[in-house]
PDB file of N, CA and C in Angstrom:
ATOM      1  N   UNK A   1      -9.782   4.073   7.547  1.00  0.00           N
ATOM      2  CA  UNK A   1      -8.617   3.218   7.730  1.00  0.00           C
ATOM      3  C   UNK A   1      -7.435   3.778   6.943  1.00  0.00           C
ATOM      4  N   UNK A   2      -6.258   3.616   7.481  1.00  0.00           N
ATOM      5  CA  UNK A   2      -5.052   4.190   6.896  1.00  0.00           C
ATOM      6  C   UNK A   2      -4.815   3.709   5.466  1.00  0.00           C
ATOM      7  N   UNK A   3      -5.056   2.419   5.238  1.00  0.00           N
ATOM      8  CA  UNK A   3      -4.804   1.853   3.912  1.00  0.00           C
ATOM      9  C   UNK A   3      -5.694   2.505   2.860  1.00  0.00           C
ATOM     10  N   UNK A   4      -6.931   2.785   3.220  1.00  0.00           N
ATOM     11  CA  UNK A   4      -7.854   3.441   2.276  1.00  0.00           C
ATOM     12  C   UNK A   4      -7.329   4.830   1.888  1.00  0.00           C
ATOM     13  N   UNK A   5      -6.859   5.582   2.882  1.00  0.00           N
ATOM     14  CA  UNK A   5      -6.308   6.905   2.615  1.00  0.00           C
ATOM     15  C   UNK A   5      -5.091   6.788   1.699  1.00  0.00           C
ATOM     16  N   UNK A   6      -4.279   5.791   1.958  1.00  0.00           N
ATOM     17  CA  UNK A   6      -3.061   5.573   1.177  1.00  0.00           C
ATOM     18  C   UNK A   6      -3.400   5.221  -0.268  1.00  0.00           C
ATOM     19  N   UNK A   7      -4.425   4.367  -0.444  1.00  0.00           N
ATOM     20  CA  UNK A   7      -4.862   4.012  -1.795  1.00  0.00           C
ATOM     21  C   UNK A   7      -5.354   5.248  -2.541  1.00  0.00           C
ATOM     22  N   UNK A   8      -6.021   6.126  -1.835  1.00  0.00           N
ATOM     23  CA  UNK A   8      -6.511   7.367  -2.443  1.00  0.00           C
ATOM     24  C   UNK A   8      -5.335   8.222  -2.907  1.00  0.00           C
ATOM     25  N   UNK A   9      -4.307   8.323  -2.074  1.00  0.00           N
ATOM     26  CA  UNK A   9      -3.112   9.080  -2.447  1.00  0.00           C
ATOM     27  C   UNK A   9      -2.473   8.499  -3.702  1.00  0.00           C
ATOM     28  N   UNK A  10      -2.421   7.184  -3.782  1.00  0.00           N
ATOM     29  CA  UNK A  10      -1.843   6.518  -4.952  1.00  0.00           C
ATOM     30  C   UNK A  10      -2.639   6.889  -6.203  1.00  0.00           C
ATOM     31  N   UNK A  11      -3.969   6.862  -6.101  1.00  0.00           N
ATOM     32  CA  UNK A  11      -4.817   7.191  -7.246  1.00  0.00           C
ATOM     33  C   UNK A  11      -4.592   8.626  -7.718  1.00  0.00           C
ATOM     34  N   UNK A  12      -4.311   9.525  -6.773  1.00  0.00           N
ATOM     35  CA  UNK A  12      -4.174  10.937  -7.112  1.00  0.00           C
ATOM     36  C   UNK A  12      -2.759  11.305  -7.551  1.00  0.00           C
ATOM     37  N   UNK A  13      -1.798  10.402  -7.365  1.00  0.00           N
ATOM     38  CA  UNK A  13      -0.404  10.683  -7.726  1.00  0.00           C
ATOM     39  C   UNK A  13      -0.250  10.747  -9.249  1.00  0.00           C
ATOM     40  N   UNK A  14       0.171  11.911  -9.787  1.00  0.00           N
ATOM     41  CA  UNK A  14       0.312  12.050 -11.238  1.00  0.00           C
ATOM     42  C   UNK A  14       1.536  11.325 -11.806  1.00  0.00           C
ATOM     43  N   UNK A  15       2.554  11.157 -10.975  1.00  0.00           N
ATOM     44  CA  UNK A  15       3.801  10.539 -11.436  1.00  0.00           C
ATOM     45  C   UNK A  15       3.675   9.022 -11.388  1.00  0.00           C
ATOM     46  N   UNK A  16       3.743   8.371 -12.553  1.00  0.00           N
ATOM     47  CA  UNK A  16       3.505   6.929 -12.615  1.00  0.00           C
ATOM     48  C   UNK A  16       4.561   6.142 -11.850  1.00  0.00           C
ATOM     49  N   UNK A  17       5.807   6.591 -11.914  1.00  0.00           N
ATOM     50  CA  UNK A  17       6.883   5.892 -11.205  1.00  0.00           C
ATOM     51  C   UNK A  17       6.632   5.901  -9.700  1.00  0.00           C
ATOM     52  N   UNK A  18       6.295   7.072  -9.175  1.00  0.00           N
ATOM     53  CA  UNK A  18       5.984   7.174  -7.748  1.00  0.00           C
ATOM     54  C   UNK A  18       4.795   6.310  -7.388  1.00  0.00           C
ATOM     55  N   UNK A  19       3.776   6.327  -8.270  1.00  0.00           N
ATOM     56  CA  UNK A  19       2.574   5.531  -8.025  1.00  0.00           C
ATOM     57  C   UNK A  19       2.934   4.052  -7.907  1.00  0.00           C
ATOM     58  N   UNK A  20       3.801   3.588  -8.789  1.00  0.00           N
ATOM     59  CA  UNK A  20       4.216   2.183  -8.748  1.00  0.00           C
ATOM     60  C   UNK A  20       4.970   1.863  -7.464  1.00  0.00           C
ATOM     61  N   UNK A  21       5.819   2.795  -7.029  1.00  0.00           N
ATOM     62  CA  UNK A  21       6.565   2.594  -5.787  1.00  0.00           C
ATOM     63  C   UNK A  21       5.611   2.548  -4.598  1.00  0.00           C
ATOM     64  N   UNK A  22       4.695   3.516  -4.542  1.00  0.00           N
ATOM     65  CA  UNK A  22       3.717   3.541  -3.446  1.00  0.00           C
ATOM     66  C   UNK A  22       2.904   2.250  -3.412  1.00  0.00           C
ATOM     67  N   UNK A  23       2.512   1.777  -4.601  1.00  0.00           N
ATOM     68  CA  UNK A  23       1.710   0.563  -4.694  1.00  0.00           C
ATOM     69  C   UNK A  23       2.490  -0.630  -4.141  1.00  0.00           C
ATOM     70  N   UNK A  24       3.774  -0.701  -4.497  1.00  0.00           N
ATOM     71  CA  UNK A  24       4.615  -1.807  -4.020  1.00  0.00           C
ATOM     72  C   UNK A  24       4.770  -1.748  -2.504  1.00  0.00           C
ATOM     73  N   UNK A  25       4.984  -0.548  -1.979  1.00  0.00           N
ATOM     74  CA  UNK A  25       5.122  -0.377  -0.531  1.00  0.00           C
ATOM     75  C   UNK A  25       3.832  -0.777   0.174  1.00  0.00           C
ATOM     76  N   UNK A  26       2.710  -0.339  -0.379  1.00  0.00           N
ATOM     77  CA  UNK A  26       1.410  -0.660   0.209  1.00  0.00           C
ATOM     78  C   UNK A  26       1.196  -2.175   0.252  1.00  0.00           C
ATOM     79  N   UNK A  27       1.545  -2.854  -0.835  1.00  0.00           N
ATOM     80  CA  UNK A  27       1.375  -4.306  -0.877  1.00  0.00           C
ATOM     81  C   UNK A  27       2.269  -4.990   0.148  1.00  0.00           C
ATOM     82  N   UNK A  28       3.503  -4.488   0.306  1.00  0.00           N
ATOM     83  CA  UNK A  28       4.410  -5.033   1.319  1.00  0.00           C
ATOM     84  C   UNK A  28       3.820  -4.854   2.716  1.00  0.00           C
ATOM     85  N   UNK A  29       3.316  -3.656   2.985  1.00  0.00           N
ATOM     86  CA  UNK A  29       2.718  -3.378   4.292  1.00  0.00           C
ATOM     87  C   UNK A  29       1.530  -4.293   4.568  1.00  0.00           C
ATOM     88  N   UNK A  30       0.689  -4.475   3.554  1.00  0.00           N
ATOM     89  CA  UNK A  30      -0.500  -5.304   3.737  1.00  0.00           C
ATOM     90  C   UNK A  30      -0.112  -6.755   4.012  1.00  0.00           C
ATOM     91  N   UNK A  31       0.915  -7.254   3.308  1.00  0.00           N
ATOM     92  CA  UNK A  31       1.325  -8.637   3.552  1.00  0.00           C
ATOM     93  C   UNK A  31       1.957  -8.770   4.940  1.00  0.00           C
ATOM     94  N   UNK A  32       2.674  -7.739   5.389  1.00  0.00           N
ATOM     95  CA  UNK A  32       3.229  -7.757   6.741  1.00  0.00           C
ATOM     96  C   UNK A  32       2.113  -7.802   7.781  1.00  0.00           C
ATOM     97  N   UNK A  33       1.085  -6.983   7.572  1.00  0.00           N
ATOM     98  CA  UNK A  33      -0.050  -6.952   8.491  1.00  0.00           C
ATOM     99  C   UNK A  33      -0.749  -8.304   8.531  1.00  0.00           C
ATOM    100  N   UNK A  34      -0.934  -8.904   7.363  1.00  0.00           N
ATOM    101  CA  UNK A  34      -1.594 -10.214   7.304  1.00  0.00           C
ATOM    102  C   UNK A  34      -0.783 -11.259   8.068  1.00  0.00           C
ATOM    103  N   UNK A  35       0.540 -11.193   7.938  1.00  0.00           N
ATOM    104  CA  UNK A  35       1.388 -12.155   8.639  1.00  0.00           C
ATOM    105  C   UNK A  35       1.296 -11.974  10.152  1.00  0.00           C
ATOM    106  N   UNK A  36       1.147 -10.719  10.602  1.00  0.00           N
ATOM    107  CA  UNK A  36       1.022 -10.466  12.035  1.00  0.00           C
ATOM    108  C   UNK A  36      -0.316 -10.978  12.563  1.00  0.00           C
ATOM    109  N   UNK A  37      -1.364 -10.754  11.770  1.00  0.00           N
ATOM    110  CA  UNK A  37      -2.710 -11.156  12.188  1.00  0.00           C
ATOM    111  C   UNK A  37      -2.857 -12.671  12.152  1.00  0.00           C
ATOM    112  N   UNK A  38      -2.379 -13.269  11.058  1.00  0.00           N
ATOM    113  CA  UNK A  38      -2.505 -14.727  10.903  1.00  0.00           C
ATOM    114  C   UNK A  38      -1.148 -15.316  10.514  1.00  0.00           C
ATOM    115  N   UNK A  39      -0.290 -15.554  11.508  1.00  0.00           N
ATOM    116  CA  UNK A  39       1.047 -16.082  11.195  1.00  0.00           C
ATOM    117  C   UNK A  39       0.964 -17.456  10.538  1.00  0.00           C
ATOM    118  N   UNK A  40       1.851 -17.670   9.593  1.00  0.00           N
ATOM    119  CA  UNK A  40       1.848 -18.953   8.879  1.00  0.00           C
ATOM    120  C   UNK A  40       2.788 -19.935   9.544  1.00  0.00           C
TER     121      UNK A  40
END
């Protein structure tokens, strides 16, 4: 799954600032996906 690959990239990112940005983007994407699957 794409998210798993993305999480792996985050773990391997040496730059903490980039890692934090990637993490925030990933969380945004996941919440968007959840809203599409189960709209509130």
